[in-house]
Protein backbone atom coordinates (compact mmCIF):
# COMPACT_ATOMS: atom_id res chain seq x y z
CA MET A 1 12.32 30.74 -9.36
CA TYR A 2 9.16 30.03 -11.34
CA SER A 3 8.54 32.90 -13.74
CA GLY A 4 5.11 32.01 -15.08
CA GLU A 5 3.46 33.15 -18.27
CA THR A 6 0.49 35.30 -19.01
CA GLY A 7 -2.39 33.47 -20.63
CA GLY A 8 -5.86 33.83 -22.05
CA SER A 9 -7.26 34.50 -18.57
CA GLY A 10 -5.51 37.86 -18.48
CA GLY A 11 -2.62 36.58 -16.42
CA ARG A 12 -3.50 35.50 -12.89
CA MET A 13 -5.78 32.48 -12.61
CA HIS A 14 -7.60 30.80 -9.75
CA ILE A 15 -6.68 27.10 -9.80
CA SER A 16 -8.43 24.59 -7.55
CA PHE A 17 -7.14 21.03 -6.98
CA LEU A 18 -9.57 18.34 -5.82
CA ILE A 19 -7.76 15.47 -4.09
CA HIS A 20 -8.84 12.34 -2.22
CA ASN A 21 -7.00 13.10 1.04
CA ALA A 22 -4.43 15.89 1.28
CA TYR A 23 -3.64 14.80 4.86
CA GLY A 24 -2.11 11.46 3.88
CA ILE A 25 1.16 10.40 2.30
CA GLY A 26 1.67 9.16 -1.24
CA GLY A 27 2.85 10.07 -4.71
CA THR A 28 -0.29 11.87 -5.89
CA ILE A 29 -0.45 13.92 -2.68
CA ARG A 30 3.22 14.84 -2.90
CA THR A 31 2.84 15.79 -6.56
CA THR A 32 -0.18 17.99 -5.85
CA TYR A 33 1.66 19.90 -3.13
CA ASN A 34 4.75 20.33 -5.32
CA LEU A 35 2.68 21.72 -8.19
CA ALA A 36 0.42 23.91 -6.04
CA ASN A 37 3.37 25.36 -4.12
CA THR A 38 4.95 26.43 -7.42
CA LEU A 39 1.84 27.69 -9.23
CA VAL A 40 0.91 29.87 -6.25
CA GLU A 41 3.89 32.11 -7.02
CA GLN A 42 1.89 33.45 -9.99
CA HIS A 43 -1.71 32.39 -9.36
CA ASP A 44 -4.36 31.90 -6.70
CA VAL A 45 -4.27 28.23 -5.73
CA GLU A 46 -6.28 26.04 -3.37
CA ILE A 47 -6.15 22.36 -2.47
CA VAL A 48 -9.56 20.91 -1.61
CA SER A 49 -9.28 17.58 0.19
CA VAL A 50 -12.37 15.39 0.06
CA PHE A 51 -11.43 13.79 3.37
CA ARG A 52 -9.55 14.88 6.47
CA HIS A 53 -8.43 12.12 8.81
CA ARG A 54 -5.78 13.92 10.90
CA ASP A 55 -5.25 17.35 12.38
CA GLU A 56 -2.30 18.42 10.25
CA PRO A 57 -1.12 17.34 6.79
CA VAL A 58 2.12 15.40 6.40
CA PHE A 59 3.40 17.64 3.61
CA SER A 60 3.91 21.38 3.89
CA SER A 61 2.03 23.82 1.69
CA HIS A 62 3.06 27.34 0.71
CA PRO A 63 1.45 29.90 3.06
CA ARG A 64 -0.60 31.29 0.15
CA VAL A 65 -2.01 27.89 -0.88
CA ARG A 66 -5.48 27.71 0.66
CA MET A 67 -6.27 24.35 2.25
CA ARG A 68 -9.75 23.08 3.06
CA HIS A 69 -11.61 19.80 3.34
CA LEU A 70 -15.12 18.61 2.53
CA VAL A 71 -15.66 15.66 4.90
CA ASP A 72 -14.11 15.44 8.37
CA VAL A 73 -13.60 11.76 9.22
CA ARG A 74 -11.59 12.33 12.40
CA ALA A 75 -13.01 10.51 15.40
CA ASP A 76 -14.06 13.80 16.98
CA GLY A 77 -14.58 15.59 13.67
CA ALA A 78 -17.56 17.71 12.70
CA ASP A 79 -19.02 14.91 10.56
CA SER A 80 -18.63 12.14 13.12
CA GLY A 81 -21.88 10.13 13.35
CA ASP A 82 -23.46 11.65 10.24
CA PRO A 83 -25.85 8.98 8.90
CA GLU A 84 -24.85 9.77 5.31
CA LEU A 85 -21.41 8.33 6.08
CA GLU A 86 -23.05 4.89 6.23
CA ARG A 87 -24.87 5.19 2.91
CA PRO A 88 -23.04 4.21 -0.29
CA ALA A 89 -21.82 6.70 -2.85
CA ARG A 90 -23.85 6.88 -6.06
CA VAL A 91 -21.77 9.28 -8.16
CA PHE A 92 -18.22 8.22 -7.25
CA PRO A 93 -17.74 5.11 -9.44
CA ARG A 94 -17.73 1.66 -7.88
CA ALA A 95 -14.86 0.62 -10.14
CA ASP A 96 -12.47 3.17 -8.60
CA GLY A 97 -10.21 1.46 -6.06
CA ARG A 98 -11.12 4.00 -3.38
CA TYR A 99 -14.88 3.45 -3.69
CA ARG A 100 -15.35 1.94 -0.22
CA GLN A 101 -14.04 5.14 1.36
CA TYR A 102 -16.71 7.24 -0.36
CA ASN A 103 -20.33 7.60 0.70
CA ALA A 104 -23.50 9.65 0.31
CA LEU A 105 -21.99 12.50 2.35
CA SER A 106 -18.89 12.75 0.19
CA ASP A 107 -21.10 12.62 -2.92
CA ARG A 108 -23.15 15.54 -1.64
CA ARG A 109 -20.23 17.64 -0.43
CA ILE A 110 -18.28 17.19 -3.67
CA ALA A 111 -21.38 18.12 -5.68
CA GLU A 112 -21.98 21.26 -3.60
CA HIS A 113 -18.34 22.23 -3.94
CA LEU A 114 -18.24 21.81 -7.73
CA ALA A 115 -21.60 23.54 -8.23
CA THR A 116 -20.31 26.69 -6.52
CA VAL A 117 -16.54 26.55 -7.00
CA ASP A 118 -15.00 29.98 -7.57
CA ALA A 119 -12.16 29.04 -9.91
CA ASP A 120 -10.99 29.36 -13.49
CA VAL A 121 -9.64 25.81 -13.52
CA VAL A 122 -10.54 22.76 -11.43
CA VAL A 123 -8.11 19.84 -11.46
CA GLY A 124 -9.18 16.33 -10.43
CA THR A 125 -6.47 13.97 -9.27
CA ARG A 126 -7.95 10.47 -9.60
CA PRO A 127 -10.49 8.80 -11.93
CA GLY A 128 -13.38 8.81 -9.45
CA LEU A 129 -12.97 12.52 -8.77
CA ASN A 130 -12.63 13.20 -12.49
CA VAL A 131 -16.07 11.61 -12.90
CA HIS A 132 -17.47 14.12 -10.40
CA LEU A 133 -15.63 16.92 -12.21
CA ALA A 134 -17.02 15.96 -15.60
CA ARG A 135 -20.60 15.59 -14.38
CA GLN A 136 -20.98 18.26 -11.73
CA THR A 137 -18.68 21.26 -12.23
CA ARG A 138 -20.60 24.47 -12.83
CA SER A 139 -20.56 25.95 -16.32
CA GLY A 140 -17.68 28.21 -17.33
CA VAL A 141 -15.02 26.44 -15.27
CA ILE A 142 -12.25 24.56 -17.06
CA ARG A 143 -12.27 20.86 -16.11
CA VAL A 144 -8.87 19.14 -16.11
CA GLY A 145 -8.56 15.48 -15.15
CA GLN A 146 -5.20 14.10 -14.04
CA GLU A 147 -4.30 10.43 -14.52
CA HIS A 148 -1.72 9.24 -12.00
CA LEU A 149 -2.13 5.56 -12.88
CA THR A 150 -2.58 4.29 -16.45
CA LEU A 151 -5.54 3.53 -18.69
CA ASP A 152 -4.33 -0.01 -19.32
CA ASN A 153 -4.09 -0.67 -15.59
CA HIS A 154 -7.74 0.26 -14.98
CA SER A 155 -10.40 -2.43 -14.83
CA ALA A 156 -12.74 -2.90 -17.78
CA ALA A 157 -15.59 -1.51 -15.65
CA LEU A 158 -13.67 1.67 -14.83
CA ARG A 159 -12.59 2.15 -18.44
CA HIS A 160 -16.24 1.85 -19.48
CA THR A 161 -17.26 4.52 -16.97
CA LEU A 162 -14.47 6.88 -17.99
CA ARG A 163 -15.32 6.42 -21.67
CA GLY A 164 -18.77 7.81 -20.94
CA VAL A 165 -17.75 10.90 -18.98
CA TYR A 166 -14.23 11.93 -20.03
CA PRO A 167 -15.47 13.57 -23.27
CA ARG A 168 -16.99 16.25 -20.97
CA LEU A 169 -13.52 17.26 -19.72
CA ASP A 170 -11.57 20.09 -21.30
CA ALA A 171 -8.23 18.35 -20.84
CA LEU A 172 -6.72 15.14 -19.51
CA THR A 173 -3.11 14.92 -18.37
CA THR A 174 -1.09 11.74 -18.03
CA THR A 175 2.34 11.30 -16.47
CA THR A 176 3.85 9.59 -19.52
CA GLU A 177 3.59 9.95 -23.29
CA ALA A 178 2.91 6.21 -23.54
CA ASP A 179 -0.25 6.58 -21.45
CA ALA A 180 -1.31 9.69 -23.38
CA ARG A 181 -1.10 7.61 -26.57
CA SER A 182 -3.29 4.94 -24.96
CA TYR A 183 -6.01 7.51 -24.21
CA ARG A 184 -5.78 9.02 -27.70
CA ASN A 185 -5.94 5.62 -29.39
CA LYS A 186 -8.43 3.80 -27.18
CA MET A 187 -10.92 6.50 -26.19
CA ARG A 188 -12.98 8.86 -28.29
CA LEU A 189 -12.22 12.24 -26.73
CA PRO A 190 -13.23 14.86 -29.31
CA GLY A 191 -12.22 18.34 -28.22
CA VAL A 192 -10.38 17.06 -25.12
CA GLN A 193 -6.72 17.96 -25.01
CA VAL A 194 -4.68 14.94 -23.91
CA ARG A 195 -1.24 15.97 -22.67
CA ALA A 196 1.65 14.08 -21.11
CA VAL A 197 2.98 16.14 -18.21
CA PRO A 198 5.37 14.38 -15.81
CA ASN A 199 5.17 14.72 -12.05
CA PRO A 200 7.19 17.55 -10.52
CA VAL A 201 10.01 16.69 -8.11
CA PRO A 202 11.89 19.52 -6.38
CA ALA A 203 15.64 19.59 -5.90
CA PRO A 204 16.57 18.41 -2.39
CA SER A 205 17.79 20.99 0.08
CA ILE A 206 20.75 18.81 1.03
CA GLU A 207 23.99 17.91 -0.73
CA PRO A 208 23.70 15.04 -3.24
CA ALA A 209 25.20 11.62 -2.66
CA ASP A 210 28.96 11.33 -3.30
CA SER A 211 28.84 7.78 -4.77
CA THR A 212 31.18 6.34 -2.12
CA ALA A 213 28.73 4.74 0.32
CA LYS A 214 28.31 0.99 -0.13
CA TRP A 215 24.54 1.07 0.05
CA VAL A 216 21.83 0.31 -2.50
CA VAL A 217 18.55 2.07 -1.65
CA ALA A 218 14.96 1.33 -2.66
CA ALA A 219 11.78 3.12 -1.55
CA GLY A 220 8.07 2.66 -2.09
CA ARG A 221 5.02 0.76 -0.90
CA LEU A 222 5.69 -2.82 0.11
CA ALA A 223 3.12 -3.99 -2.44
CA PRO A 224 3.16 -6.93 -4.88
CA VAL A 225 3.52 -4.65 -7.93
CA LYS A 226 6.85 -3.33 -6.60
CA ARG A 227 8.33 -6.87 -6.68
CA TYR A 228 10.71 -6.34 -3.78
CA ASP A 229 10.90 -10.12 -3.56
CA LEU A 230 12.87 -10.01 -6.82
CA LEU A 231 15.14 -7.30 -5.42
CA VAL A 232 15.87 -9.37 -2.31
CA ARG A 233 16.66 -12.43 -4.42
CA ALA A 234 18.84 -10.33 -6.73
CA PHE A 235 20.71 -8.95 -3.75
CA ASP A 236 21.44 -12.50 -2.64
CA LYS A 237 23.48 -12.78 -5.84
CA VAL A 238 25.04 -9.36 -5.25
CA ARG A 239 26.07 -10.48 -1.76
CA ASP A 240 27.87 -13.51 -3.20
CA GLN A 241 30.19 -11.27 -5.22
CA ARG A 242 30.24 -8.10 -3.10
CA PRO A 243 29.50 -8.93 0.54
CA ASP A 244 30.71 -5.45 1.53
CA TRP A 245 27.55 -3.83 0.04
CA ARG A 246 24.14 -3.57 1.77
CA LEU A 247 20.54 -2.86 0.76
CA ARG A 248 17.99 -0.64 2.51
CA ILE A 249 14.31 -0.79 1.54
CA TYR A 250 12.11 2.09 2.77
CA GLY A 251 8.33 1.87 2.91
CA GLY A 252 5.42 0.18 4.61
CA GLY A 253 2.76 -2.18 3.35
CA GLY A 254 1.24 -5.63 3.32
CA GLN A 255 4.28 -7.44 1.94
CA LYS A 256 6.51 -6.73 4.95
CA ALA A 257 6.05 -10.11 6.66
CA LYS A 258 6.69 -12.04 3.43
CA LEU A 259 9.80 -10.00 2.67
CA ARG A 260 11.11 -10.46 6.20
CA ALA A 261 10.61 -14.22 5.87
CA LEU A 262 12.44 -14.24 2.53
CA ILE A 263 15.35 -12.25 3.95
CA ASP A 264 15.66 -14.74 6.82
CA GLU A 265 15.34 -17.72 4.48
CA LEU A 266 18.23 -16.45 2.33
CA GLY A 267 20.35 -15.51 5.33
CA LEU A 268 20.41 -11.84 4.29
CA TYR A 269 19.52 -10.36 7.69
CA ASN A 270 22.95 -8.65 7.83
CA HIS A 271 22.70 -7.36 4.26
CA VAL A 272 19.07 -6.38 3.56
CA TYR A 273 17.18 -4.05 5.91
CA LEU A 274 13.47 -3.18 5.90
CA MET A 275 13.58 0.38 7.17
CA GLY A 276 9.87 1.29 7.29
CA PRO A 277 8.42 4.54 5.94
CA ALA A 278 10.62 7.65 5.90
CA HIS A 279 9.61 11.28 5.51
CA PRO A 280 11.43 13.16 4.23
CA ILE A 281 13.04 10.51 2.04
CA GLU A 282 15.81 12.68 0.55
CA PRO A 283 18.32 12.21 3.41
CA GLU A 284 17.92 8.44 3.02
CA TRP A 285 18.60 8.54 -0.73
CA THR A 286 21.80 10.51 -0.18
CA LYS A 287 23.12 7.83 2.19
CA GLY A 288 23.31 5.46 -0.77
CA SER A 289 25.18 5.29 -4.07
CA ILE A 290 22.73 3.28 -6.21
CA ALA A 291 18.92 3.20 -6.30
CA ALA A 292 16.94 0.12 -7.34
CA VAL A 293 13.41 -0.19 -8.75
CA THR A 294 12.08 -3.67 -9.56
CA SER A 295 8.39 -2.97 -10.29
CA SER A 296 6.31 -4.91 -12.79
CA MET A 297 4.43 -1.67 -13.56
CA GLU A 298 5.11 2.01 -12.85
CA SER A 299 2.63 4.63 -14.04
CA PHE A 300 5.41 7.20 -13.67
CA GLY A 301 8.21 6.39 -11.25
CA MET A 302 8.38 9.17 -8.68
CA THR A 303 11.06 7.38 -6.68
CA ILE A 304 13.25 7.14 -9.78
CA VAL A 305 13.24 10.91 -10.20
CA GLU A 306 13.68 11.50 -6.46
CA ALA A 307 16.76 9.28 -6.40
CA MET A 308 18.21 10.94 -9.50
CA ARG A 309 17.67 14.40 -8.01
CA CYS A 310 19.70 13.19 -5.01
CA GLY A 311 22.57 12.11 -7.27
CA LEU A 312 21.90 8.37 -7.52
CA PRO A 313 21.92 6.41 -10.76
CA VAL A 314 18.92 4.07 -10.83
CA VAL A 315 18.84 0.43 -11.86
CA SER A 316 15.23 -0.12 -12.88
CA THR A 317 13.14 -2.74 -14.61
CA ASP A 318 12.01 -1.48 -18.02
CA CYS A 319 8.35 -1.85 -17.08
CA PRO A 320 5.37 0.10 -18.43
CA HIS A 321 5.22 3.06 -18.48
CA GLY A 322 7.51 5.44 -16.63
CA PRO A 323 11.07 4.15 -16.30
CA GLY A 324 11.85 4.14 -20.00
CA GLU A 325 10.74 7.77 -20.31
CA ILE A 326 12.81 8.86 -17.30
CA ILE A 327 16.06 6.88 -17.53
CA ASP A 328 18.46 7.31 -20.44
CA ASN A 329 19.74 3.74 -20.44
CA GLY A 330 23.50 3.56 -19.96
CA VAL A 331 23.79 7.33 -19.43
CA ASP A 332 22.07 8.23 -16.15
CA GLY A 333 20.91 4.76 -15.10
CA ARG A 334 20.33 1.23 -16.26
CA LEU A 335 17.14 -0.39 -17.56
CA VAL A 336 16.89 -4.17 -17.09
CA GLU A 337 14.42 -6.86 -18.05
CA VAL A 338 11.21 -7.09 -16.01
CA ASN A 339 10.83 -10.05 -13.61
CA ASN A 340 14.42 -11.18 -14.24
CA VAL A 341 16.43 -11.68 -11.04
CA GLU A 342 19.65 -12.30 -12.94
CA ALA A 343 19.26 -9.08 -14.95
CA ILE A 344 18.52 -7.03 -11.83
CA ALA A 345 21.58 -8.43 -10.03
CA ALA A 346 23.77 -7.83 -13.10
CA GLY A 347 22.61 -4.22 -13.38
CA ILE A 348 23.39 -3.51 -9.73
CA LEU A 349 26.74 -5.30 -9.87
CA GLU A 350 27.74 -3.37 -12.98
CA LEU A 351 27.53 -0.10 -11.03
CA ILE A 352 29.01 -1.54 -7.85
CA ASN A 353 32.07 -2.90 -9.65
CA ASP A 354 32.79 0.18 -11.78
CA ASP A 355 33.38 3.26 -9.62
CA GLU A 356 34.03 5.50 -12.60
CA LEU A 357 30.82 4.43 -14.37
CA ARG A 358 28.78 4.85 -11.19
CA GLN A 359 30.09 8.38 -10.62
CA ARG A 360 29.61 9.35 -14.26
CA MET A 361 26.00 8.12 -14.19
CA ALA A 362 25.43 9.91 -10.87
CA HIS A 363 26.48 13.26 -12.38
CA ALA A 364 24.30 12.63 -15.42
CA ALA A 365 21.34 11.72 -13.19
CA LEU A 366 21.62 15.04 -11.35
CA LYS A 367 21.71 17.01 -14.59
CA ASP A 368 19.08 15.07 -16.52
CA SER A 369 16.55 15.09 -13.66
CA GLU A 370 16.40 18.90 -13.69
CA ARG A 371 13.71 18.61 -16.35
CA PHE A 372 11.33 17.44 -13.61
CA ASP A 373 11.83 20.58 -11.53
CA PRO A 374 8.45 21.96 -10.35
CA ALA A 375 9.10 25.29 -12.11
CA ARG A 376 9.38 23.53 -15.47
CA ILE A 377 6.34 21.33 -14.87
CA ALA A 378 4.29 24.30 -13.61
CA GLU A 379 5.03 26.14 -16.85
CA GLN A 380 3.65 23.20 -18.83
CA TYR A 381 0.44 23.20 -16.79
CA GLU A 382 0.13 26.96 -16.97
CA SER A 383 0.52 26.87 -20.75
CA LEU A 384 -2.29 24.30 -20.93
CA PHE A 385 -4.57 26.19 -18.54
CA SER A 386 -4.01 29.51 -20.31
CA GLN A 387 -4.79 27.94 -23.65
CA LEU A 388 -8.06 26.56 -22.33
CA VAL A 389 -9.27 29.64 -20.49
CA GLY A 390 -10.97 32.12 -22.85
CA ARG A 391 -10.81 35.89 -22.65
CA ASP A 392 -13.93 35.92 -20.47
CA GLY A 393 -12.53 33.14 -18.29
CA ARG A 394 -14.49 30.39 -19.97
CA SER A 395 -13.74 27.84 -22.66
CA LEU A 396 -16.02 27.21 -25.62
CA GLY A 397 -16.59 23.72 -24.25
CA GLY A 398 -17.54 25.20 -20.89
CA ARG A 399 -20.07 27.58 -22.47
CA LEU A 400 -21.64 24.75 -24.48
CA ARG A 401 -21.80 22.52 -21.41
CA GLY A 402 -23.29 25.38 -19.38
CA SER A 403 -26.08 25.74 -21.95
CA LEU A 404 -26.67 21.99 -21.87
CA HIS A 405 -26.82 21.93 -18.07
CA ARG A 406 -29.26 24.83 -17.97
CA THR A 407 -31.48 22.98 -20.43
CA ARG A 408 -31.36 19.81 -18.39
CA GLY A 409 -31.59 21.65 -15.06
CA THR A 410 -29.04 19.46 -13.35
CA LEU A 411 -25.34 19.28 -12.58
CA LEU A 412 -25.38 16.01 -10.75
CA GLY A 413 -25.43 13.23 -13.31
CA GLY A 414 -28.69 11.73 -12.10
CA ALA A 415 -27.81 11.58 -8.40
CA TYR A 416 -29.83 14.67 -7.45
CA SER A 417 -30.46 18.17 -8.84
CA VAL A 418 -29.01 21.48 -7.75
CA ARG A 419 -31.21 24.22 -9.14
CA ASP A 420 -30.33 27.90 -9.51
CA ALA A 421 -32.07 28.78 -6.25
CA GLY A 422 -30.18 26.07 -4.45
CA ARG A 423 -26.90 27.35 -5.81
CA LYS A 424 -27.68 30.89 -4.62
CA ALA A 425 -28.48 29.53 -1.17
CA LEU A 426 -25.23 27.64 -1.08
CA ARG A 427 -23.28 30.73 -2.10
CA LYS A 428 -25.08 32.82 0.48
CA GLY A 429 -24.32 30.23 3.17
CA ARG A 430 -20.62 30.17 2.26
CA THR A 431 -20.28 33.93 2.38
CA ALA A 432 -22.28 34.49 5.53
């Protein structure tokens, strides 16, 4: 049970998460639910989804977590046919990979939300939303930007945009210490707390794997960065030595046809199976005895922690940035060279051929992965939030920014102005 701490806000805080689409499926969405569902045990928490594309979310939220959306993009939704949907966004940055999904309506709704948000802390969950946060959040509210990718993985154009607005944040969190160092060393962020806080992963509600099943399991988007082609080729070598073992790959994506063709080309159709997406994934992890990750880049490595929490040692490429901060090489898993088929195959075969080693690593994986429990991660966030929130519920940075915004008469970074009278009208409309 999450105990929580009292902080500078006087204890209970109102925490608001702003997320691209809380009705989808993905690592950032899962992380946001895990964190919100834990923080709500001690605080008032809401998840504000910019978009809503289906009737019900995939993930379950705690009954006390308030859920709402800003733009309804369902075919029969309230915003269907709105002409602003066809006009391009001007605040959400073009360099963010989700730019094409944003528009003038989302710009306006996000601005209205941030200008009137009733919260002590607002947390943005992707770079484009952090830009909105930095430019448009009303004075007195703590602005916290989350980075779920990495600075080095962003385009030069996006890095340039972030360099101009991130100094207005109160804090920036990254999922790894390596990425936190990149932000500290490569950006001038005076007064902005940069913290590495890993993603929370709850313990599964089912019994962990027993290390006896002859299955290797992988899960994630079928995308080029995951390099499942290397895993398939490595398993061809595994098959040569241990034809009694099989590989299941869970996930959907654009690489499916290419992977299917490669499996057929290598004659692995009885050994490698493309299983499609699975939710929940935990029962699928526990059907295996080894997990495999062959990415060329992992900003964190959510699937690594998920597998470990299910009792699987993970053979992973030692790619930037996450795996090396999660896996204790040779203790609870194995790190192997990136883009090296031979090394991947050798790592998997090492655990296949040594039952005692595999079981020992499995036990260590269960124990070591407890540090990613949502209760522990929530305490790190709460400590940060409490430190930032002043006795009157505002940070010094927030008060200074509030004065600046009042002088300039705008919260909207040049897109359009929301004056005091407009804010009062918005508040009145929301409470009517």
